[in-house]
Amino acid sequence: MNAFLRSILSSLLVMSTLGLGSGLALADSTKVVYHIDDAANQGLKGLRNIRNHLDVSPQTKIIVVTHANGVDILMDGAKDAKSGTDYAPLVGALKSRGVRFEVC
């Protein structure tokens, strides 16, 4: 009976380890879409949130979808209206980390 119990416990251990491995694989393939449609209210905050997201989860695949006034963050010379922060360096840094920017 002891051998039978050890066999079952060993099988359960192997199966749980395999399950954990597949869970880790799923964690590495996280995909996220950020939506920005108002640069004045969402631009700077959104870009900083994306940077923070990548800081804690660098393997995340991120796409930023912009439309309406959100497209402004991608325009040459665009700046945050409140702080005067240039968007270009922030967008460029995110692009270098694999973030895709799309205009809808």
PDB file of N, CA and C in Angstrom:
ATOM      1  N   MET A   1       0.813  -1.191   0.000  1.00  0.00           N
ATOM      2  CA  MET A   1       0.000   0.000   0.000  1.00  0.00           C
ATOM      3  C   MET A   1       0.861   1.261   0.000  1.00  0.00           C
ATOM      4  N   ASN A   2       1.981   1.235   0.726  1.00  0.00           N
ATOM      5  CA  ASN A   2       2.871   2.380   0.770  1.00  0.00           C
ATOM      6  C   ASN A   2       3.427   2.718  -0.607  1.00  0.00           C
ATOM      7  N   ALA A   3       3.807   1.713  -1.367  1.00  0.00           N
ATOM      8  CA  ALA A   3       4.346   1.931  -2.712  1.00  0.00           C
ATOM      9  C   ALA A   3       3.274   2.545  -3.614  1.00  0.00           C
ATOM     10  N   PHE A   4       2.056   2.072  -3.469  1.00  0.00           N
ATOM     11  CA  PHE A   4       0.956   2.615  -4.266  1.00  0.00           C
ATOM     12  C   PHE A   4       0.723   4.091  -3.935  1.00  0.00           C
ATOM     13  N   LEU A   5       0.735   4.435  -2.661  1.00  0.00           N
ATOM     14  CA  LEU A   5       0.528   5.812  -2.220  1.00  0.00           C
ATOM     15  C   LEU A   5       1.658   6.717  -2.712  1.00  0.00           C
ATOM     16  N   ARG A   6       2.903   6.229  -2.626  1.00  0.00           N
ATOM     17  CA  ARG A   6       4.038   7.008  -3.134  1.00  0.00           C
ATOM     18  C   ARG A   6       3.922   7.231  -4.634  1.00  0.00           C
ATOM     19  N   SER A   7       3.469   6.243  -5.344  1.00  0.00           N
ATOM     20  CA  SER A   7       3.302   6.357  -6.792  1.00  0.00           C
ATOM     21  C   SER A   7       2.268   7.430  -7.133  1.00  0.00           C
ATOM     22  N   ILE A   8       1.170   7.428  -6.416  1.00  0.00           N
ATOM     23  CA  ILE A   8       0.125   8.428  -6.662  1.00  0.00           C
ATOM     24  C   ILE A   8       0.633   9.825  -6.315  1.00  0.00           C
ATOM     25  N   LEU A   9       1.296   9.968  -5.178  1.00  0.00           N
ATOM     26  CA  LEU A   9       1.821  11.271  -4.776  1.00  0.00           C
ATOM     27  C   LEU A   9       2.865  11.778  -5.768  1.00  0.00           C
ATOM     28  N   SER A  10       3.708  10.889  -6.257  1.00  0.00           N
ATOM     29  CA  SER A  10       4.707  11.274  -7.261  1.00  0.00           C
ATOM     30  C   SER A  10       4.030  11.742  -8.538  1.00  0.00           C
ATOM     31  N   SER A  11       3.003  11.028  -8.945  1.00  0.00           N
ATOM     32  CA  SER A  11       2.273  11.411 -10.154  1.00  0.00           C
ATOM     33  C   SER A  11       1.613  12.772  -9.984  1.00  0.00           C
ATOM     34  N   LEU A  12       1.021  13.012  -8.829  1.00  0.00           N
ATOM     35  CA  LEU A  12       0.394  14.306  -8.565  1.00  0.00           C
ATOM     36  C   LEU A  12       1.423  15.432  -8.559  1.00  0.00           C
ATOM     37  N   LEU A  13       2.592  15.163  -7.999  1.00  0.00           N
ATOM     38  CA  LEU A  13       3.644  16.169  -7.974  1.00  0.00           C
ATOM     39  C   LEU A  13       4.091  16.519  -9.389  1.00  0.00           C
ATOM     40  N   VAL A  14       4.288  15.521 -10.222  1.00  0.00           N
ATOM     41  CA  VAL A  14       4.694  15.757 -11.614  1.00  0.00           C
ATOM     42  C   VAL A  14       3.612  16.527 -12.353  1.00  0.00           C
ATOM     43  N   MET A  15       2.359  16.143 -12.168  1.00  0.00           N
ATOM     44  CA  MET A  15       1.266  16.822 -12.863  1.00  0.00           C
ATOM     45  C   MET A  15       1.134  18.276 -12.404  1.00  0.00           C
ATOM     46  N   SER A  16       1.315  18.533 -11.117  1.00  0.00           N
ATOM     47  CA  SER A  16       1.208  19.912 -10.640  1.00  0.00           C
ATOM     48  C   SER A  16       2.373  20.748 -11.143  1.00  0.00           C
ATOM     49  N   THR A  17       3.549  20.151 -11.261  1.00  0.00           N
ATOM     50  CA  THR A  17       4.707  20.870 -11.801  1.00  0.00           C
ATOM     51  C   THR A  17       4.485  21.211 -13.266  1.00  0.00           C
ATOM     52  N   LEU A  18       3.931  20.293 -14.022  1.00  0.00           N
ATOM     53  CA  LEU A  18       3.636  20.570 -15.429  1.00  0.00           C
ATOM     54  C   LEU A  18       2.606  21.682 -15.544  1.00  0.00           C
ATOM     55  N   GLY A  19       1.617  21.671 -14.697  1.00  0.00           N
ATOM     56  CA  GLY A  19       0.602  22.726 -14.704  1.00  0.00           C
ATOM     57  C   GLY A  19       1.188  24.078 -14.370  1.00  0.00           C
ATOM     58  N   LEU A  20       2.120  24.120 -13.435  1.00  0.00           N
ATOM     59  CA  LEU A  20       2.768  25.371 -13.070  1.00  0.00           C
ATOM     60  C   LEU A  20       3.570  25.905 -14.242  1.00  0.00           C
ATOM     61  N   GLY A  21       4.261  25.038 -14.950  1.00  0.00           N
ATOM     62  CA  GLY A  21       5.045  25.466 -16.110  1.00  0.00           C
ATOM     63  C   GLY A  21       4.183  26.076 -17.193  1.00  0.00           C
ATOM     64  N   SER A  22       3.030  25.499 -17.445  1.00  0.00           N
ATOM     65  CA  SER A  22       2.160  26.069 -18.473  1.00  0.00           C
ATOM     66  C   SER A  22       1.588  27.399 -18.015  1.00  0.00           C
ATOM     67  N   GLY A  23       1.352  27.554 -16.717  1.00  0.00           N
ATOM     68  CA  GLY A  23       0.884  28.836 -16.198  1.00  0.00           C
ATOM     69  C   GLY A  23       1.928  29.918 -16.360  1.00  0.00           C
ATOM     70  N   LEU A  24       3.184  29.571 -16.162  1.00  0.00           N
ATOM     71  CA  LEU A  24       4.255  30.541 -16.352  1.00  0.00           C
ATOM     72  C   LEU A  24       4.376  30.932 -17.813  1.00  0.00           C
ATOM     73  N   ALA A  25       4.178  29.988 -18.700  1.00  0.00           N
ATOM     74  CA  ALA A  25       4.242  30.309 -20.127  1.00  0.00           C
ATOM     75  C   ALA A  25       3.143  31.298 -20.495  1.00  0.00           C
ATOM     76  N   LEU A  26       1.979  31.129 -19.918  1.00  0.00           N
ATOM     77  CA  LEU A  26       0.896  32.066 -20.192  1.00  0.00           C
ATOM     78  C   LEU A  26       1.212  33.448 -19.641  1.00  0.00           C
ATOM     79  N   ALA A  27       1.855  33.499 -18.486  1.00  0.00           N
ATOM     80  CA  ALA A  27       2.188  34.789 -17.889  1.00  0.00           C
ATOM     81  C   ALA A  27       3.166  35.564 -18.763  1.00  0.00           C
ATOM     82  N   ASP A  28       4.040  34.862 -19.472  1.00  0.00           N
ATOM     83  CA  ASP A  28       5.019  35.522 -20.326  1.00  0.00           C
ATOM     84  C   ASP A  28       4.410  36.064 -21.605  1.00  0.00           C
ATOM     85  N   SER A  29       3.222  35.635 -21.972  1.00  0.00           N
ATOM     86  CA  SER A  29       2.644  36.053 -23.242  1.00  0.00           C
ATOM     87  C   SER A  29       1.480  37.033 -23.049  1.00  0.00           C
ATOM     88  N   THR A  30       1.549  37.842 -22.010  1.00  0.00           N
ATOM     89  CA  THR A  30       0.495  38.815 -21.746  1.00  0.00           C
ATOM     90  C   THR A  30       0.482  39.880 -22.825  1.00  0.00           C
ATOM     91  N   LYS A  31      -0.710  40.190 -23.308  1.00  0.00           N
ATOM     92  CA  LYS A  31      -0.886  41.229 -24.322  1.00  0.00           C
ATOM     93  C   LYS A  31      -1.882  42.248 -23.791  1.00  0.00           C
ATOM     94  N   VAL A  32      -1.549  43.537 -23.981  1.00  0.00           N
ATOM     95  CA  VAL A  32      -2.391  44.608 -23.449  1.00  0.00           C
ATOM     96  C   VAL A  32      -2.566  45.679 -24.515  1.00  0.00           C
ATOM     97  N   VAL A  33      -3.764  46.234 -24.582  1.00  0.00           N
ATOM     98  CA  VAL A  33      -4.033  47.371 -25.462  1.00  0.00           C
ATOM     99  C   VAL A  33      -4.385  48.566 -24.583  1.00  0.00           C
ATOM    100  N   TYR A  34      -3.668  49.654 -24.799  1.00  0.00           N
ATOM    101  CA  TYR A  34      -3.998  50.924 -24.148  1.00  0.00           C
ATOM    102  C   TYR A  34      -4.701  51.798 -25.178  1.00  0.00           C
ATOM    103  N   HIS A  35      -5.702  52.544 -24.737  1.00  0.00           N
ATOM    104  CA  HIS A  35      -6.507  53.383 -25.619  1.00  0.00           C
ATOM    105  C   HIS A  35      -6.354  54.835 -25.182  1.00  0.00           C
ATOM    106  N   ILE A  36      -5.926  55.688 -26.108  1.00  0.00           N
ATOM    107  CA  ILE A  36      -5.792  57.115 -25.805  1.00  0.00           C
ATOM    108  C   ILE A  36      -6.565  57.894 -26.857  1.00  0.00           C
ATOM    109  N   ASP A  37      -7.569  58.663 -26.406  1.00  0.00           N
ATOM    110  CA  ASP A  37      -8.349  59.474 -27.345  1.00  0.00           C
ATOM    111  C   ASP A  37      -8.384  60.951 -26.947  1.00  0.00           C
ATOM    112  N   ASP A  38      -7.600  61.309 -25.935  1.00  0.00           N
ATOM    113  CA  ASP A  38      -7.557  62.702 -25.487  1.00  0.00           C
ATOM    114  C   ASP A  38      -6.173  62.976 -24.903  1.00  0.00           C
ATOM    115  N   ALA A  39      -5.293  63.535 -25.725  1.00  0.00           N
ATOM    116  CA  ALA A  39      -3.915  63.765 -25.299  1.00  0.00           C
ATOM    117  C   ALA A  39      -3.836  64.672 -24.078  1.00  0.00           C
ATOM    118  N   ALA A  40      -4.675  65.682 -24.018  1.00  0.00           N
ATOM    119  CA  ALA A  40      -4.608  66.644 -22.916  1.00  0.00           C
ATOM    120  C   ALA A  40      -4.872  65.994 -21.559  1.00  0.00           C
ATOM    121  N   ASN A  41      -5.783  65.039 -21.516  1.00  0.00           N
ATOM    122  CA  ASN A  41      -6.139  64.405 -20.245  1.00  0.00           C
ATOM    123  C   ASN A  41      -5.535  63.022 -20.039  1.00  0.00           C
ATOM    124  N   GLN A  42      -5.146  62.354 -21.125  1.00  0.00           N
ATOM    125  CA  GLN A  42      -4.673  60.977 -21.006  1.00  0.00           C
ATOM    126  C   GLN A  42      -3.236  60.775 -21.472  1.00  0.00           C
ATOM    127  N   GLY A  43      -2.710  61.701 -22.256  1.00  0.00           N
ATOM    128  CA  GLY A  43      -1.420  61.488 -22.901  1.00  0.00           C
ATOM    129  C   GLY A  43      -0.278  61.196 -21.956  1.00  0.00           C
ATOM    130  N   LEU A  44       0.073  62.144 -21.125  1.00  0.00           N
ATOM    131  CA  LEU A  44       1.214  61.994 -20.230  1.00  0.00           C
ATOM    132  C   LEU A  44       0.983  60.882 -19.214  1.00  0.00           C
ATOM    133  N   LYS A  45      -0.198  60.841 -18.626  1.00  0.00           N
ATOM    134  CA  LYS A  45      -0.521  59.786 -17.654  1.00  0.00           C
ATOM    135  C   LYS A  45      -0.456  58.410 -18.306  1.00  0.00           C
ATOM    136  N   GLY A  46      -1.021  58.313 -19.510  1.00  0.00           N
ATOM    137  CA  GLY A  46      -1.031  57.035 -20.208  1.00  0.00           C
ATOM    138  C   GLY A  46       0.370  56.543 -20.530  1.00  0.00           C
ATOM    139  N   LEU A  47       1.219  57.431 -21.044  1.00  0.00           N
ATOM    140  CA  LEU A  47       2.587  57.042 -21.391  1.00  0.00           C
ATOM    141  C   LEU A  47       3.369  56.623 -20.145  1.00  0.00           C
ATOM    142  N   ARG A  48       3.157  57.316 -19.053  1.00  0.00           N
ATOM    143  CA  ARG A  48       3.840  56.945 -17.803  1.00  0.00           C
ATOM    144  C   ARG A  48       3.314  55.618 -17.256  1.00  0.00           C
ATOM    145  N   ASN A  49       2.011  55.392 -17.375  1.00  0.00           N
ATOM    146  CA  ASN A  49       1.452  54.111 -16.934  1.00  0.00           C
ATOM    147  C   ASN A  49       2.015  52.956 -17.747  1.00  0.00           C
ATOM    148  N   ILE A  50       2.176  53.168 -19.038  1.00  0.00           N
ATOM    149  CA  ILE A  50       2.733  52.119 -19.895  1.00  0.00           C
ATOM    150  C   ILE A  50       4.172  51.833 -19.491  1.00  0.00           C
ATOM    151  N   ARG A  51       4.952  52.894 -19.227  1.00  0.00           N
ATOM    152  CA  ARG A  51       6.339  52.711 -18.771  1.00  0.00           C
ATOM    153  C   ARG A  51       6.360  51.909 -17.472  1.00  0.00           C
ATOM    154  N   ASN A  52       5.503  52.277 -16.527  1.00  0.00           N
ATOM    155  CA  ASN A  52       5.443  51.559 -15.252  1.00  0.00           C
ATOM    156  C   ASN A  52       5.031  50.104 -15.450  1.00  0.00           C
ATOM    157  N   HIS A  53       4.099  49.869 -16.349  1.00  0.00           N
ATOM    158  CA  HIS A  53       3.645  48.513 -16.658  1.00  0.00           C
ATOM    159  C   HIS A  53       4.822  47.668 -17.142  1.00  0.00           C
ATOM    160  N   LEU A  54       5.610  48.223 -18.065  1.00  0.00           N
ATOM    161  CA  LEU A  54       6.763  47.489 -18.588  1.00  0.00           C
ATOM    162  C   LEU A  54       7.855  47.312 -17.539  1.00  0.00           C
ATOM    163  N   ASP A  55       7.973  48.247 -16.613  1.00  0.00           N
ATOM    164  CA  ASP A  55       8.974  48.115 -15.550  1.00  0.00           C
ATOM    165  C   ASP A  55       8.717  46.891 -14.682  1.00  0.00           C
ATOM    166  N   VAL A  56       7.449  46.583 -14.428  1.00  0.00           N
ATOM    167  CA  VAL A  56       7.130  45.427 -13.585  1.00  0.00           C
ATOM    168  C   VAL A  56       6.856  44.161 -14.393  1.00  0.00           C
ATOM    169  N   SER A  57       6.595  44.308 -15.680  1.00  0.00           N
ATOM    170  CA  SER A  57       6.304  43.154 -16.532  1.00  0.00           C
ATOM    171  C   SER A  57       6.888  43.389 -17.924  1.00  0.00           C
ATOM    172  N   PRO A  58       8.223  43.296 -18.047  1.00  0.00           N
ATOM    173  CA  PRO A  58       8.895  43.679 -19.296  1.00  0.00           C
ATOM    174  C   PRO A  58       8.548  42.821 -20.516  1.00  0.00           C
ATOM    175  N   GLN A  59       8.020  41.622 -20.306  1.00  0.00           N
ATOM    176  CA  GLN A  59       7.701  40.747 -21.432  1.00  0.00           C
ATOM    177  C   GLN A  59       6.326  41.033 -22.035  1.00  0.00           C
ATOM    178  N   THR A  60       5.573  41.929 -21.429  1.00  0.00           N
ATOM    179  CA  THR A  60       4.226  42.244 -21.904  1.00  0.00           C
ATOM    180  C   THR A  60       4.280  42.875 -23.291  1.00  0.00           C
ATOM    181  N   LYS A  61       3.436  42.414 -24.167  1.00  0.00           N
ATOM    182  CA  LYS A  61       3.297  42.992 -25.508  1.00  0.00           C
ATOM    183  C   LYS A  61       2.214  44.060 -25.426  1.00  0.00           C
ATOM    184  N   ILE A  62       2.591  45.305 -25.727  1.00  0.00           N
ATOM    185  CA  ILE A  62       1.656  46.415 -25.571  1.00  0.00           C
ATOM    186  C   ILE A  62       1.440  47.121 -26.901  1.00  0.00           C
ATOM    187  N   ILE A  63       0.183  47.399 -27.198  1.00  0.00           N
ATOM    188  CA  ILE A  63      -0.190  48.219 -28.349  1.00  0.00           C
ATOM    189  C   ILE A  63      -0.976  49.408 -27.806  1.00  0.00           C
ATOM    190  N   VAL A  64      -0.611  50.594 -28.264  1.00  0.00           N
ATOM    191  CA  VAL A  64      -1.336  51.806 -27.895  1.00  0.00           C
ATOM    192  C   VAL A  64      -2.159  52.224 -29.103  1.00  0.00           C
ATOM    193  N   VAL A  65      -3.463  52.250 -28.940  1.00  0.00           N
ATOM    194  CA  VAL A  65      -4.359  52.678 -30.010  1.00  0.00           C
ATOM    195  C   VAL A  65      -4.758  54.119 -29.720  1.00  0.00           C
ATOM    196  N   THR A  66      -4.493  54.998 -30.685  1.00  0.00           N
ATOM    197  CA  THR A  66      -4.863  56.402 -30.533  1.00  0.00           C
ATOM    198  C   THR A  66      -5.883  56.770 -31.603  1.00  0.00           C
ATOM    199  N   HIS A  67      -6.762  57.689 -31.257  1.00  0.00           N
ATOM    200  CA  HIS A  67      -7.664  58.274 -32.251  1.00  0.00           C
ATOM    201  C   HIS A  67      -8.148  59.604 -31.714  1.00  0.00           C
ATOM    202  N   ALA A  68      -8.859  60.330 -32.540  1.00  0.00           N
ATOM    203  CA  ALA A  68      -9.349  61.673 -32.176  1.00  0.00           C
ATOM    204  C   ALA A  68      -8.177  62.508 -31.666  1.00  0.00           C
ATOM    205  N   ASN A  69      -8.353  63.195 -30.548  1.00  0.00           N
ATOM    206  CA  ASN A  69      -7.292  64.048 -30.013  1.00  0.00           C
ATOM    207  C   ASN A  69      -6.136  63.262 -29.398  1.00  0.00           C
ATOM    208  N   GLY A  70      -6.289  61.965 -29.251  1.00  0.00           N
ATOM    209  CA  GLY A  70      -5.198  61.134 -28.735  1.00  0.00           C
ATOM    210  C   GLY A  70      -4.041  61.017 -29.696  1.00  0.00           C
ATOM    211  N   VAL A  71      -4.318  61.219 -30.982  1.00  0.00           N
ATOM    212  CA  VAL A  71      -3.271  61.150 -32.007  1.00  0.00           C
ATOM    213  C   VAL A  71      -2.214  62.227 -31.768  1.00  0.00           C
ATOM    214  N   ASP A  72      -2.589  63.282 -31.069  1.00  0.00           N
ATOM    215  CA  ASP A  72      -1.667  64.392 -30.830  1.00  0.00           C
ATOM    216  C   ASP A  72      -0.366  63.950 -30.168  1.00  0.00           C
ATOM    217  N   ILE A  73      -0.379  62.894 -29.360  1.00  0.00           N
ATOM    218  CA  ILE A  73       0.856  62.467 -28.697  1.00  0.00           C
ATOM    219  C   ILE A  73       1.891  61.961 -29.698  1.00  0.00           C
ATOM    220  N   LEU A  74       1.456  61.650 -30.910  1.00  0.00           N
ATOM    221  CA  LEU A  74       2.360  61.124 -31.930  1.00  0.00           C
ATOM    222  C   LEU A  74       2.819  62.183 -32.924  1.00  0.00           C
ATOM    223  N   MET A  75       2.332  63.386 -32.796  1.00  0.00           N
ATOM    224  CA  MET A  75       2.671  64.455 -33.738  1.00  0.00           C
ATOM    225  C   MET A  75       4.039  65.049 -33.404  1.00  0.00           C
ATOM    226  N   ASP A  76       4.775  65.469 -34.448  1.00  0.00           N
ATOM    227  CA  ASP A  76       6.072  66.116 -34.246  1.00  0.00           C
ATOM    228  C   ASP A  76       5.912  67.373 -33.401  1.00  0.00           C
ATOM    229  N   GLY A  77       6.743  67.499 -32.396  1.00  0.00           N
ATOM    230  CA  GLY A  77       6.740  68.690 -31.554  1.00  0.00           C
ATOM    231  C   GLY A  77       5.620  68.762 -30.538  1.00  0.00           C
ATOM    232  N   ALA A  78       4.837  67.708 -30.417  1.00  0.00           N
ATOM    233  CA  ALA A  78       3.707  67.724 -29.475  1.00  0.00           C
ATOM    234  C   ALA A  78       4.199  67.731 -28.034  1.00  0.00           C
ATOM    235  N   LYS A  79       3.512  68.528 -27.214  1.00  0.00           N
ATOM    236  CA  LYS A  79       3.852  68.642 -25.793  1.00  0.00           C
ATOM    237  C   LYS A  79       2.586  68.545 -24.953  1.00  0.00           C
ATOM    238  N   ASP A  80       2.769  68.119 -23.731  1.00  0.00           N
ATOM    239  CA  ASP A  80       1.663  68.112 -22.783  1.00  0.00           C
ATOM    240  C   ASP A  80       1.279  69.553 -22.480  1.00  0.00           C
ATOM    241  N   ALA A  81      -0.001  69.862 -22.579  1.00  0.00           N
ATOM    242  CA  ALA A  81      -0.473  71.241 -22.415  1.00  0.00           C
ATOM    243  C   ALA A  81      -0.238  71.781 -21.004  1.00  0.00           C
ATOM    244  N   LYS A  82      -0.328  70.928 -20.005  1.00  0.00           N
ATOM    245  CA  LYS A  82      -0.205  71.384 -18.617  1.00  0.00           C
ATOM    246  C   LYS A  82       1.248  71.538 -18.172  1.00  0.00           C
ATOM    247  N   SER A  83       2.090  70.558 -18.502  1.00  0.00           N
ATOM    248  CA  SER A  83       3.464  70.563 -17.987  1.00  0.00           C
ATOM    249  C   SER A  83       4.503  70.992 -19.016  1.00  0.00           C
ATOM    250  N   GLY A  84       4.117  70.989 -20.287  1.00  0.00           N
ATOM    251  CA  GLY A  84       5.074  71.314 -21.340  1.00  0.00           C
ATOM    252  C   GLY A  84       6.027  70.177 -21.674  1.00  0.00           C
ATOM    253  N   THR A  85       5.783  68.993 -21.138  1.00  0.00           N
ATOM    254  CA  THR A  85       6.626  67.823 -21.392  1.00  0.00           C
ATOM    255  C   THR A  85       6.479  67.372 -22.837  1.00  0.00           C
ATOM    256  N   ASP A  86       7.618  67.181 -23.516  1.00  0.00           N
ATOM    257  CA  ASP A  86       7.601  66.662 -24.885  1.00  0.00           C
ATOM    258  C   ASP A  86       7.162  65.202 -24.870  1.00  0.00           C
ATOM    259  N   TYR A  87       6.249  64.862 -25.770  1.00  0.00           N
ATOM    260  CA  TYR A  87       5.809  63.473 -25.880  1.00  0.00           C
ATOM    261  C   TYR A  87       6.831  62.604 -26.606  1.00  0.00           C
ATOM    262  N   ALA A  88       7.561  63.175 -27.559  1.00  0.00           N
ATOM    263  CA  ALA A  88       8.441  62.390 -28.429  1.00  0.00           C
ATOM    264  C   ALA A  88       9.436  61.510 -27.667  1.00  0.00           C
ATOM    265  N   PRO A  89      10.157  62.019 -26.660  1.00  0.00           N
ATOM    266  CA  PRO A  89      11.093  61.143 -25.952  1.00  0.00           C
ATOM    267  C   PRO A  89      10.400  59.990 -25.220  1.00  0.00           C
ATOM    268  N   LEU A  90       9.218  60.256 -24.689  1.00  0.00           N
ATOM    269  CA  LEU A  90       8.479  59.206 -23.986  1.00  0.00           C
ATOM    270  C   LEU A  90       8.003  58.134 -24.959  1.00  0.00           C
ATOM    271  N   VAL A  91       7.452  58.581 -26.088  1.00  0.00           N
ATOM    272  CA  VAL A  91       6.987  57.639 -27.115  1.00  0.00           C
ATOM    273  C   VAL A  91       8.173  56.852 -27.667  1.00  0.00           C
ATOM    274  N   GLY A  92       9.283  57.539 -27.938  1.00  0.00           N
ATOM    275  CA  GLY A  92      10.478  56.872 -28.464  1.00  0.00           C
ATOM    276  C   GLY A  92      11.018  55.820 -27.513  1.00  0.00           C
ATOM    277  N   ALA A  93      11.045  56.135 -26.223  1.00  0.00           N
ATOM    278  CA  ALA A  93      11.532  55.172 -25.232  1.00  0.00           C
ATOM    279  C   ALA A  93      10.637  53.939 -25.180  1.00  0.00           C
ATOM    280  N   LEU A  94       9.332  54.152 -25.288  1.00  0.00           N
ATOM    281  CA  LEU A  94       8.409  53.016 -25.274  1.00  0.00           C
ATOM    282  C   LEU A  94       8.540  52.183 -26.544  1.00  0.00           C
ATOM    283  N   LYS A  95       8.724  52.848 -27.683  1.00  0.00           N
ATOM    284  CA  LYS A  95       8.924  52.110 -28.936  1.00  0.00           C
ATOM    285  C   LYS A  95      10.173  51.240 -28.848  1.00  0.00           C
ATOM    286  N   SER A  96      11.223  51.765 -28.224  1.00  0.00           N
ATOM    287  CA  SER A  96      12.464  50.992 -28.103  1.00  0.00           C
ATOM    288  C   SER A  96      12.283  49.777 -27.194  1.00  0.00           C
ATOM    289  N   ARG A  97      11.240  49.783 -26.390  1.00  0.00           N
ATOM    290  CA  ARG A  97      10.929  48.645 -25.519  1.00  0.00           C
ATOM    291  C   ARG A  97       9.889  47.722 -26.147  1.00  0.00           C
ATOM    292  N   GLY A  98       9.560  47.975 -27.421  1.00  0.00           N
ATOM    293  CA  GLY A  98       8.668  47.078 -28.151  1.00  0.00           C
ATOM    294  C   GLY A  98       7.212  47.491 -28.209  1.00  0.00           C
ATOM    295  N   VAL A  99       6.879  48.641 -27.655  1.00  0.00           N
ATOM    296  CA  VAL A  99       5.484  49.100 -27.694  1.00  0.00           C
ATOM    297  C   VAL A  99       5.150  49.570 -29.105  1.00  0.00           C
ATOM    298  N   ARG A 100       3.992  49.137 -29.601  1.00  0.00           N
ATOM    299  CA  ARG A 100       3.516  49.575 -30.920  1.00  0.00           C
ATOM    300  C   ARG A 100       2.469  50.654 -30.736  1.00  0.00           C
ATOM    301  N   PHE A 101       2.549  51.672 -31.577  1.00  0.00           N
ATOM    302  CA  PHE A 101       1.564  52.753 -31.565  1.00  0.00           C
ATOM    303  C   PHE A 101       0.781  52.692 -32.866  1.00  0.00           C
ATOM    304  N   GLU A 102      -0.530  52.690 -32.752  1.00  0.00           N
ATOM    305  CA  GLU A 102      -1.410  52.620 -33.912  1.00  0.00           C
ATOM    306  C   GLU A 102      -2.377  53.797 -33.891  1.00  0.00           C
ATOM    307  N   VAL A 103      -2.699  54.296 -35.082  1.00  0.00           N
ATOM    308  CA  VAL A 103      -3.692  55.357 -35.223  1.00  0.00           C
ATOM    309  C   VAL A 103      -4.940  54.744 -35.827  1.00  0.00           C
ATOM    310  N   CYS A 104      -6.066  54.994 -35.205  1.00  0.00           N
ATOM    311  CA  CYS A 104      -7.322  54.425 -35.680  1.00  0.00           C
ATOM    312  C   CYS A 104      -8.165  55.519 -36.283  1.00  0.00           C
TER     313      CYS A 104
END
